[in-house]
Amino acid sequence: MNEEASYTCASCGEEIVVPIDLSVGSEQEYVEDCPICCHPNVIHVEVDNHGEARLWVTGD
């Protein structure tokens, strides 16, 4: 499994790379501020049975 994934900030459009922490579970949701524009992004992560992560964001 790749321990990193990326998303595009909903505000500035910058691609941001984040670590994937499997110890938290296969379905995760958390808020992270964009390191470029400081806009909060709600990050959603789903990890399937093969260890492949799907990541997407929504705005605050």
Protein backbone atom coordinates (compact mmCIF):
# COMPACT_ATOMS: atom_id res chain seq x y z
CA MET A 1 0.00 0.00 0.00
CA ASN A 2 1.15 3.50 -0.78
CA GLU A 3 1.43 5.39 2.50
CA GLU A 4 0.76 8.75 0.84
CA ALA A 5 -2.02 10.17 -1.29
CA SER A 6 -2.75 13.57 -2.74
CA TYR A 7 -5.73 15.86 -3.07
CA THR A 8 -6.42 19.17 -4.77
CA CYS A 9 -7.28 22.02 -2.41
CA ALA A 10 -10.90 23.08 -2.88
CA SER A 11 -9.89 26.75 -2.56
CA CYS A 12 -6.55 27.36 -4.32
CA GLY A 13 -6.30 24.28 -6.57
CA GLU A 14 -2.85 23.28 -5.27
CA GLU A 15 -2.08 19.54 -5.13
CA ILE A 16 -1.30 18.52 -1.53
CA VAL A 17 0.33 15.22 -0.52
CA VAL A 18 -0.79 13.72 2.81
CA PRO A 19 0.20 10.55 4.68
CA ILE A 20 -2.33 7.73 5.05
CA ASP A 21 -2.50 6.32 8.59
CA LEU A 22 -4.03 2.83 8.47
CA SER A 23 -4.03 2.55 12.27
CA VAL A 24 -7.00 4.95 12.34
CA GLY A 25 -9.17 2.56 10.29
CA SER A 26 -10.28 1.98 6.73
CA GLU A 27 -12.75 4.90 6.70
CA GLN A 28 -11.48 8.27 7.86
CA GLU A 29 -12.65 11.88 7.82
CA TYR A 30 -10.70 14.82 9.20
CA VAL A 31 -10.12 18.53 8.62
CA GLU A 32 -6.73 19.78 7.46
CA ASP A 33 -5.80 23.35 6.54
CA CYS A 34 -4.16 23.76 3.15
CA PRO A 35 -0.45 24.55 3.71
CA ILE A 36 -0.58 27.03 0.80
CA CYS A 37 -3.75 29.11 1.38
CA CYS A 38 -4.81 27.97 4.91
CA HIS A 39 -8.33 27.07 3.71
CA PRO A 40 -9.78 24.13 5.70
CA ASN A 41 -10.46 20.99 3.66
CA VAL A 42 -12.49 18.02 4.89
CA ILE A 43 -10.45 14.99 3.83
CA HIS A 44 -12.22 11.67 3.29
CA VAL A 45 -10.23 8.42 3.03
CA GLU A 46 -11.45 4.91 2.25
CA VAL A 47 -9.06 1.96 2.13
CA ASP A 48 -10.24 -1.21 0.37
CA ASN A 49 -9.39 -4.83 1.24
CA HIS A 50 -6.34 -4.69 -1.05
CA GLY A 51 -4.89 -1.69 0.78
CA GLU A 52 -5.69 0.79 -1.99
CA ALA A 53 -6.69 4.19 -0.67
CA ARG A 54 -9.29 6.49 -2.24
CA LEU A 55 -9.05 10.09 -1.08
CA TRP A 56 -11.27 13.09 -1.82
CA VAL A 57 -11.95 16.45 -0.22
CA THR A 58 -14.87 18.74 0.38
CA GLY A 59 -14.76 22.34 1.57
CA ASP A 60 -15.69 23.37 5.08
